[in-house]
């Protein structure tokens, strides 16, 4: 049936006009899904290559933290950086932080994977087993001493746990010792270890403090283990609250929306590989609709492709497709987050949305203004504000202000009844 439709369309249009086939739609609006063209991130990729090379040569280098709003491609970039490390034969592991989870288990799984990647290149299997024994000792400290035997967690590490190393029960002491031992294994094979942490702002205060202390110790030793974290814009403040020296401990990179050239490349390059082109006015309108945010670029690109009958894609094609893209964003991107909020939290966000109108995006709003608009005392709104921050729906970039973590979220709320 599809072949018949394509044949009839081809017969209807002149040979100089290229039909747009929905089956060949190249765009990928998914959570953490790599787009067909990773545009506008060349600077970050080049900088990370330098970090990998410097660490492998024993040069001092800081760990890396990526920050930005949701939908700017932090997870995609994190995965791409991990691929770059794997390409240089580094040991790697990745975790996604959760507010209700201790760091021990996910770090154990991530470092176990990293060590397994390094093991084939190590000449001494006994040395690898020694580090695995320390890792197992670190992991077993996550079990509650009062828990029943069947409820205790056992990592899949086939060596007896070490004693007296990374098993004190103090996460800061244990993490420093574990990272130091793991890094020494990477030194033996002449590469390094990179631990990737997504949603880093969701780590508990004790875990953040321990992670900073471990990175501090590694930087002083020049050990080849780095942490690459990604999180919301307030992540630097979270790290600074844990350890005052964290401002000098990490290299911070803000991941923002794409500029016009990069956004056009993100749309045009995948289309060109399918022999499809965009008219300049279509690209103008797509940038206006998406705001240059990578997730939105993919969402509007996919909907436009599906609605465009022929190449080149026109501005009218974008106008016809925009409601479908916006409907999908309303359900999957905005609506799913809004549904997580309680009535009190929704009231708070609606007040934010009404006050955050700007020409370009949702601006930060003073908490005092929100309280005034709701005719409430600021202290009475603190529970709703704190809950929204914990849920990752808003953040406090500066004292006394809040902003949405999701681009265009205020605009979405202002369109809802």
Protein backbone atom coordinates (compact mmCIF):
# COMPACT_ATOMS: atom_id res chain seq x y z
CA UNK A 1 0.00 0.00 0.00
CA UNK A 2 2.86 2.37 0.86
CA UNK A 3 4.62 1.63 -2.46
CA UNK A 4 1.39 2.38 -4.35
CA UNK A 5 0.99 5.70 -2.55
CA UNK A 6 4.59 6.73 -3.22
CA UNK A 7 4.22 5.75 -6.89
CA UNK A 8 1.02 7.74 -7.31
CA UNK A 9 2.56 10.77 -5.57
CA UNK A 10 5.61 10.58 -7.81
CA UNK A 11 3.43 10.47 -10.90
CA UNK A 12 1.43 13.47 -9.69
CA UNK A 13 4.45 15.71 -9.04
CA UNK A 14 7.04 16.75 -11.66
CA UNK A 15 10.42 15.00 -11.72
CA UNK A 16 12.06 18.12 -10.24
CA UNK A 17 10.00 17.84 -7.05
CA UNK A 18 11.11 15.40 -4.34
CA UNK A 19 8.34 13.74 -2.31
CA UNK A 20 8.77 13.70 1.46
CA UNK A 21 8.41 10.13 2.71
CA UNK A 22 7.21 9.83 6.36
CA UNK A 23 8.96 6.47 6.65
CA UNK A 24 12.29 8.21 6.17
CA UNK A 25 11.63 10.88 8.80
CA UNK A 26 15.05 11.38 10.41
CA UNK A 27 14.13 13.40 13.50
CA UNK A 28 14.21 11.91 16.99
CA UNK A 29 12.35 13.81 19.74
CA UNK A 30 13.01 11.41 22.61
CA UNK A 31 14.33 11.68 26.17
CA UNK A 32 18.10 11.31 25.92
CA UNK A 33 17.83 10.08 22.34
CA UNK A 34 20.68 11.24 20.16
CA UNK A 35 19.50 13.46 17.29
CA UNK A 36 20.56 12.59 13.75
CA UNK A 37 22.83 15.66 13.75
CA UNK A 38 24.46 16.70 17.03
CA UNK A 39 24.75 20.36 16.09
CA UNK A 40 26.21 23.17 18.17
CA UNK A 41 28.17 21.02 20.63
CA UNK A 42 31.57 20.96 18.90
CA UNK A 43 33.20 23.19 21.53
CA UNK A 44 32.20 20.86 24.37
CA UNK A 45 33.35 17.76 22.49
CA UNK A 46 36.72 19.29 21.62
CA UNK A 47 37.27 20.43 25.21
CA UNK A 48 36.53 16.93 26.51
CA UNK A 49 39.01 15.38 24.07
CA UNK A 50 41.67 17.63 25.57
CA UNK A 51 40.66 16.55 29.08
CA UNK A 52 40.96 12.86 28.14
CA UNK A 53 44.37 13.38 26.58
CA UNK A 54 45.70 15.43 29.47
CA UNK A 55 44.53 12.97 32.11
CA UNK A 56 45.98 10.03 30.18
CA UNK A 57 49.34 11.84 30.11
CA UNK A 58 49.28 12.44 33.84
CA UNK A 59 48.49 16.14 33.58
CA UNK A 60 46.25 17.72 36.22
CA UNK A 61 42.69 18.28 35.08
CA UNK A 62 39.38 19.07 36.76
CA UNK A 63 36.21 17.01 36.61
CA UNK A 64 33.42 18.39 34.46
CA UNK A 65 29.88 19.57 35.22
CA UNK A 66 27.28 20.32 32.53
CA UNK A 67 24.32 22.49 33.52
CA UNK A 68 21.22 23.65 31.70
CA UNK A 69 17.46 23.55 31.46
CA UNK A 70 15.59 20.41 30.51
CA UNK A 71 15.40 19.79 26.79
CA UNK A 72 18.79 21.30 25.91
CA UNK A 73 20.44 17.91 25.34
CA UNK A 74 22.52 17.40 28.51
CA UNK A 75 21.89 13.65 28.61
CA UNK A 76 22.64 13.30 24.89
CA UNK A 77 25.90 15.19 25.35
CA UNK A 78 26.76 13.12 28.42
CA UNK A 79 26.31 9.91 26.43
CA UNK A 80 28.39 11.31 23.57
CA UNK A 81 31.22 12.22 25.93
CA UNK A 82 31.09 8.71 27.34
CA UNK A 83 31.41 7.28 23.83
CA UNK A 84 34.48 9.47 23.32
CA UNK A 85 36.04 8.05 26.50
CA UNK A 86 35.28 4.48 25.45
CA UNK A 87 36.90 5.21 22.09
CA UNK A 88 40.13 6.01 23.94
CA UNK A 89 39.90 2.70 25.87
CA UNK A 90 38.91 4.33 29.14
CA UNK A 91 36.85 2.52 31.71
CA UNK A 92 33.44 4.15 32.01
CA UNK A 93 30.24 3.86 33.99
CA UNK A 94 27.08 5.93 34.17
CA UNK A 95 24.44 6.48 36.82
CA UNK A 96 21.28 8.54 37.09
CA UNK A 97 20.98 10.10 40.53
CA UNK A 98 17.71 9.82 42.43
CA UNK A 99 16.69 11.75 45.54
CA UNK A 100 15.65 8.58 47.37
CA UNK A 101 18.75 6.51 46.60
CA UNK A 102 22.14 6.35 48.28
CA UNK A 103 25.20 6.71 46.07
CA UNK A 104 26.75 3.38 47.07
CA UNK A 105 24.79 0.98 44.88
CA UNK A 106 24.79 2.97 41.63
CA UNK A 107 28.47 3.87 42.04
CA UNK A 108 29.26 0.20 42.64
CA UNK A 109 27.49 -0.82 39.42
CA UNK A 110 29.10 1.99 37.41
CA UNK A 111 32.65 1.33 38.65
CA UNK A 112 32.18 -2.41 38.24
CA UNK A 113 31.46 -1.79 34.56
CA UNK A 114 34.46 0.53 34.26
CA UNK A 115 36.79 -2.02 35.83
CA UNK A 116 35.47 -4.76 33.56
CA UNK A 117 36.27 -2.55 30.57
CA UNK A 118 39.85 -2.05 31.81
CA UNK A 119 40.47 -5.66 32.91
CA UNK A 120 41.25 -7.10 29.42
CA UNK A 121 44.07 -4.56 29.05
CA UNK A 122 45.63 -5.30 32.45
CA UNK A 123 48.52 -7.75 32.67
CA UNK A 124 47.87 -8.82 36.26
CA UNK A 125 44.43 -10.39 36.94
CA UNK A 126 45.21 -10.54 40.67
CA UNK A 127 45.58 -6.77 40.74
CA UNK A 128 42.16 -6.41 39.13
CA UNK A 129 40.67 -8.76 41.72
CA UNK A 130 42.18 -6.67 44.53
CA UNK A 131 40.33 -3.58 43.32
CA UNK A 132 37.14 -5.58 42.82
CA UNK A 133 37.43 -6.79 46.41
CA UNK A 134 37.58 -3.19 47.63
CA UNK A 135 34.59 -2.36 45.43
CA UNK A 136 32.62 -5.23 46.92
CA UNK A 137 33.48 -4.13 50.45
CA UNK A 138 32.29 -0.62 49.59
CA UNK A 139 29.03 -2.00 48.17
CA UNK A 140 28.19 -4.24 51.12
CA UNK A 141 28.20 -1.27 53.48
CA UNK A 142 24.90 -0.22 51.86
CA UNK A 143 23.11 -3.09 53.62
CA UNK A 144 21.26 -2.45 56.84
CA UNK A 145 22.79 -4.54 59.62
CA UNK A 146 19.29 -5.26 60.95
CA UNK A 147 17.90 -6.36 57.59
CA UNK A 148 17.01 -9.98 57.03
CA UNK A 149 19.45 -12.05 55.01
CA UNK A 150 17.08 -12.44 52.06
CA UNK A 151 16.65 -8.65 51.88
CA UNK A 152 20.36 -7.89 51.72
CA UNK A 153 21.83 -6.76 48.44
CA UNK A 154 24.84 -8.57 47.01
CA UNK A 155 26.75 -7.11 44.06
CA UNK A 156 27.67 -9.48 41.24
CA UNK A 157 31.38 -9.47 42.05
CA UNK A 158 32.95 -12.94 42.24
CA UNK A 159 35.70 -12.18 44.76
CA UNK A 160 35.61 -12.00 48.59
CA UNK A 161 35.26 -8.47 49.97
CA UNK A 162 38.39 -6.73 51.19
CA UNK A 163 38.72 -5.67 54.80
CA UNK A 164 39.84 -2.32 56.09
CA UNK A 165 39.48 -0.48 52.80
CA UNK A 166 36.41 1.53 51.67
CA UNK A 167 34.27 -0.24 54.29
CA UNK A 168 34.21 2.19 57.21
CA UNK A 169 30.57 3.12 56.66
CA UNK A 170 31.47 6.80 56.27
CA UNK A 171 30.60 7.52 52.63
CA UNK A 172 33.20 10.29 52.34
CA UNK A 173 36.09 8.18 53.61
CA UNK A 174 34.99 5.12 51.65
CA UNK A 175 34.48 6.96 48.36
CA UNK A 176 37.93 8.57 48.54
CA UNK A 177 39.57 5.19 49.13
CA UNK A 178 37.53 3.47 46.42
CA UNK A 179 38.22 6.12 43.77
CA UNK A 180 41.92 6.13 44.62
CA UNK A 181 42.21 2.35 44.19
CA UNK A 182 40.17 2.33 40.98
CA UNK A 183 42.28 5.15 39.55
CA UNK A 184 45.48 3.22 40.30
CA UNK A 185 44.15 0.38 38.13
CA UNK A 186 43.66 2.82 35.25
CA UNK A 187 47.21 4.10 35.78
CA UNK A 188 48.51 0.57 35.30
CA UNK A 189 47.01 0.37 31.80
CA UNK A 190 47.82 3.95 30.82
CA UNK A 191 44.26 5.23 30.42
CA UNK A 192 41.66 6.50 32.87
CA UNK A 193 38.22 6.06 34.38
CA UNK A 194 35.28 8.41 33.78
CA UNK A 195 32.18 8.24 35.96
CA UNK A 196 29.15 9.93 34.35
CA UNK A 197 26.36 11.16 36.65
CA UNK A 198 23.09 12.40 35.18
CA UNK A 199 20.58 14.44 37.25
CA UNK A 200 23.44 15.20 39.62
CA UNK A 201 21.41 17.79 41.56
CA UNK A 202 19.32 14.93 42.98
CA UNK A 203 22.19 13.49 45.04
CA UNK A 204 21.74 13.75 48.80
CA UNK A 205 23.84 16.28 50.74
CA UNK A 206 26.13 13.62 52.25
CA UNK A 207 26.73 12.02 48.85
CA UNK A 208 27.48 15.38 47.21
CA UNK A 209 29.96 16.18 49.96
CA UNK A 210 31.62 12.78 49.58
CA UNK A 211 31.84 13.12 45.82
CA UNK A 212 33.47 16.55 46.08
CA UNK A 213 35.95 15.24 48.66
CA UNK A 214 36.87 12.30 46.43
CA UNK A 215 37.37 14.53 43.38
CA UNK A 216 39.49 16.88 45.49
CA UNK A 217 41.74 14.02 46.62
CA UNK A 218 42.07 12.70 43.07
CA UNK A 219 43.02 16.12 41.72
CA UNK A 220 45.74 16.46 44.35
CA UNK A 221 47.11 13.03 43.48
CA UNK A 222 46.83 13.59 39.73
CA UNK A 223 44.96 10.28 39.56
CA UNK A 224 43.29 9.39 36.22
CA UNK A 225 39.67 9.30 37.38
CA UNK A 226 37.24 12.08 36.54
CA UNK A 227 33.57 12.69 37.24
CA UNK A 228 31.38 14.12 34.49
CA UNK A 229 28.10 15.36 35.92
CA UNK A 230 25.02 16.86 34.33
CA UNK A 231 22.18 18.68 36.03
CA UNK A 232 19.88 21.65 36.28
CA UNK A 233 21.13 25.26 36.44
CA UNK A 234 21.27 25.30 40.24
CA UNK A 235 23.71 22.35 40.39
CA UNK A 236 26.76 24.61 41.00
CA UNK A 237 24.98 26.04 44.06
CA UNK A 238 24.28 22.49 45.32
CA UNK A 239 27.97 21.60 44.99
CA UNK A 240 29.11 24.85 46.57
CA UNK A 241 26.84 24.29 49.56
CA UNK A 242 28.48 20.89 50.13
CA UNK A 243 32.11 22.01 49.82
CA UNK A 244 33.28 25.59 49.51
CA UNK A 245 36.16 24.57 47.23
CA UNK A 246 33.84 22.96 44.67
CA UNK A 247 33.87 26.19 42.65
CA UNK A 248 37.53 25.47 41.85
CA UNK A 249 37.12 21.72 41.76
CA UNK A 250 34.98 21.39 38.62
CA UNK A 251 35.01 22.86 35.16
CA UNK A 252 31.47 24.18 34.63
CA UNK A 253 29.93 24.28 31.16
CA UNK A 254 26.49 25.76 30.62
CA UNK A 255 24.56 23.94 27.89
CA UNK A 256 22.14 26.35 26.29
CA UNK A 257 19.76 26.38 23.35
CA UNK A 258 21.15 26.30 19.83
CA UNK A 259 21.93 29.45 17.91
CA UNK A 260 20.31 29.94 14.53
CA UNK A 261 23.16 28.40 12.52
CA UNK A 262 23.27 25.26 14.70
CA UNK A 263 19.47 24.88 14.70
CA UNK A 264 19.38 25.13 10.91
CA UNK A 265 22.12 22.50 10.72
CA UNK A 266 20.22 20.19 13.11
CA UNK A 267 17.24 20.35 10.74
CA UNK A 268 18.94 20.70 7.38
CA UNK A 269 21.75 18.13 7.56
CA UNK A 270 19.51 15.08 8.24
CA UNK A 271 17.05 16.29 5.60
CA UNK A 272 19.80 16.73 3.01
CA UNK A 273 20.85 13.13 3.53
CA UNK A 274 17.30 12.20 2.48
CA UNK A 275 17.38 14.63 -0.50
CA UNK A 276 14.93 17.02 1.16
CA UNK A 277 15.40 20.78 1.52
CA UNK A 278 13.82 23.61 3.53
CA UNK A 279 12.84 27.01 2.24
CA UNK A 280 14.48 29.86 4.23
CA UNK A 281 11.11 31.04 5.54
CA UNK A 282 10.35 27.55 6.79
CA UNK A 283 13.59 27.56 8.79
CA UNK A 284 12.72 31.04 10.11
CA UNK A 285 9.40 29.81 11.42
CA UNK A 286 10.84 26.59 12.84
CA UNK A 287 13.38 28.55 14.85
CA UNK A 288 10.67 30.89 16.08
CA UNK A 289 8.52 27.96 17.20
CA UNK A 290 11.29 25.88 18.77
CA UNK A 291 13.27 28.71 20.32
CA UNK A 292 16.40 26.77 19.40
CA UNK A 293 15.89 24.21 22.18
CA UNK A 294 17.15 20.87 20.82
CA UNK A 295 14.19 18.81 22.01
CA UNK A 296 11.74 21.27 20.46
CA UNK A 297 13.79 21.42 17.24
CA UNK A 298 13.37 17.66 16.89
CA UNK A 299 9.66 17.74 17.82
CA UNK A 300 8.75 20.47 15.32
CA UNK A 301 11.05 18.96 12.71
CA UNK A 302 9.39 15.56 12.97
CA UNK A 303 5.85 16.95 12.76
CA UNK A 304 6.74 19.21 9.83
CA UNK A 305 8.34 16.35 7.92
CA UNK A 306 5.25 14.19 8.38
CA UNK A 307 2.96 16.93 7.04
CA UNK A 308 5.11 18.21 4.17
CA UNK A 309 4.00 16.66 0.85
CA UNK A 310 7.05 17.68 -1.18
CA UNK A 311 10.51 19.19 -1.03
CA UNK A 312 11.35 21.96 -0.46
CA UNK A 313 9.48 22.20 2.84
CA UNK A 314 7.63 25.51 3.10
CA UNK A 315 6.58 27.84 5.91
CA UNK A 316 2.99 26.78 5.29
CA UNK A 317 4.01 23.16 5.98
CA UNK A 318 5.40 24.33 9.33
CA UNK A 319 2.19 26.20 10.18
CA UNK A 320 0.06 23.16 9.39
CA UNK A 321 2.30 20.84 11.44
CA UNK A 322 2.86 23.13 14.45
CA UNK A 323 -0.41 22.27 16.26
CA UNK A 324 0.47 18.57 16.18
CA UNK A 325 3.95 19.22 17.59
CA UNK A 326 2.49 21.46 20.28
CA UNK A 327 -0.14 18.87 21.18
CA UNK A 328 2.54 16.20 21.64
CA UNK A 329 4.68 18.55 23.74
CA UNK A 330 1.63 19.46 25.82
CA UNK A 331 1.09 15.81 26.75
CA UNK A 332 4.55 14.27 26.88
CA UNK A 333 6.81 17.17 27.79
CA UNK A 334 4.73 19.70 29.71
CA UNK A 335 1.63 17.83 30.84
CA UNK A 336 3.43 14.88 32.39
CA UNK A 337 5.40 17.26 34.60
CA UNK A 338 2.36 19.36 35.51
CA UNK A 339 0.47 16.24 36.60
CA UNK A 340 3.17 15.47 39.18
CA UNK A 341 2.37 18.66 41.08
CA UNK A 342 -0.17 18.96 43.89
CA UNK A 343 -2.96 21.58 43.70
CA UNK A 344 -0.94 23.94 45.92
CA UNK A 345 2.14 23.48 43.76
CA UNK A 346 0.12 24.09 40.59
CA UNK A 347 -1.23 27.31 42.06
CA UNK A 348 2.35 28.40 42.75
CA UNK A 349 3.45 27.60 39.19
CA UNK A 350 0.49 29.40 37.65
CA UNK A 351 1.39 32.50 39.64
CA UNK A 352 4.97 32.14 38.41
CA UNK A 353 3.78 31.82 34.82
CA UNK A 354 1.65 34.95 35.04
CA UNK A 355 4.61 36.95 36.36
CA UNK A 356 7.37 35.48 34.18
CA UNK A 357 6.25 36.78 30.78
CA UNK A 358 9.15 38.07 28.67
CA UNK A 359 9.84 38.56 24.98
CA UNK A 360 12.13 35.55 24.76
CA UNK A 361 11.42 32.99 27.46
CA UNK A 362 10.13 32.53 30.98
CA UNK A 363 12.11 34.92 33.18
CA UNK A 364 13.04 34.37 36.82
CA UNK A 365 10.49 35.69 39.29
CA UNK A 366 10.96 37.02 42.81
CA UNK A 367 9.33 34.81 45.43
CA UNK A 368 8.01 37.94 47.14
CA UNK A 369 6.12 38.86 43.96
CA UNK A 370 4.55 35.40 43.82
CA UNK A 371 3.40 35.72 47.43
CA UNK A 372 1.98 39.16 46.72
CA UNK A 373 0.05 37.97 43.66
CA UNK A 374 -1.49 35.15 45.70
CA UNK A 375 -2.15 37.44 48.71
CA UNK A 376 -0.14 35.08 50.89
CA UNK A 377 2.80 35.39 53.25
CA UNK A 378 6.07 34.17 51.63
CA UNK A 379 6.67 31.71 54.49
CA UNK A 380 3.33 30.00 53.87
CA UNK A 381 4.40 29.24 50.27
CA UNK A 382 7.76 27.74 51.22
CA UNK A 383 6.49 24.11 51.32
CA UNK A 384 5.11 24.36 47.76
CA UNK A 385 8.27 26.05 46.49
CA UNK A 386 10.59 23.51 48.15
CA UNK A 387 8.53 20.58 46.85
CA UNK A 388 8.65 21.96 43.29
CA UNK A 389 12.43 22.32 43.54
CA UNK A 390 12.77 18.73 44.76
CA UNK A 391 10.57 17.54 41.88
CA UNK A 392 12.82 19.38 39.43
CA UNK A 393 10.06 21.63 38.12
CA UNK A 394 11.58 24.92 39.26
CA UNK A 395 14.99 26.03 40.50
CA UNK A 396 16.43 28.94 42.43
CA UNK A 397 19.28 30.47 40.46
CA UNK A 398 19.63 33.43 42.81
CA UNK A 399 18.48 33.94 46.36
CA UNK A 400 14.86 35.08 46.46
CA UNK A 401 14.02 34.12 42.86
CA UNK A 402 12.71 31.04 41.09
CA UNK A 403 12.44 29.97 37.45
CA UNK A 404 11.10 27.00 35.52
CA UNK A 405 13.51 24.18 34.69
CA UNK A 406 11.54 23.45 31.50
CA UNK A 407 11.77 25.91 28.57
CA UNK A 408 8.44 27.53 27.60
CA UNK A 409 6.71 25.96 30.60
CA UNK A 410 5.29 29.31 31.66
CA UNK A 411 3.97 29.87 28.16
CA UNK A 412 2.32 26.44 28.28
CA UNK A 413 0.66 27.20 31.62
CA UNK A 414 -0.63 30.54 30.36
CA UNK A 415 -2.48 28.74 27.55
CA UNK A 416 -4.20 26.28 29.90
CA UNK A 417 -7.65 26.96 31.39
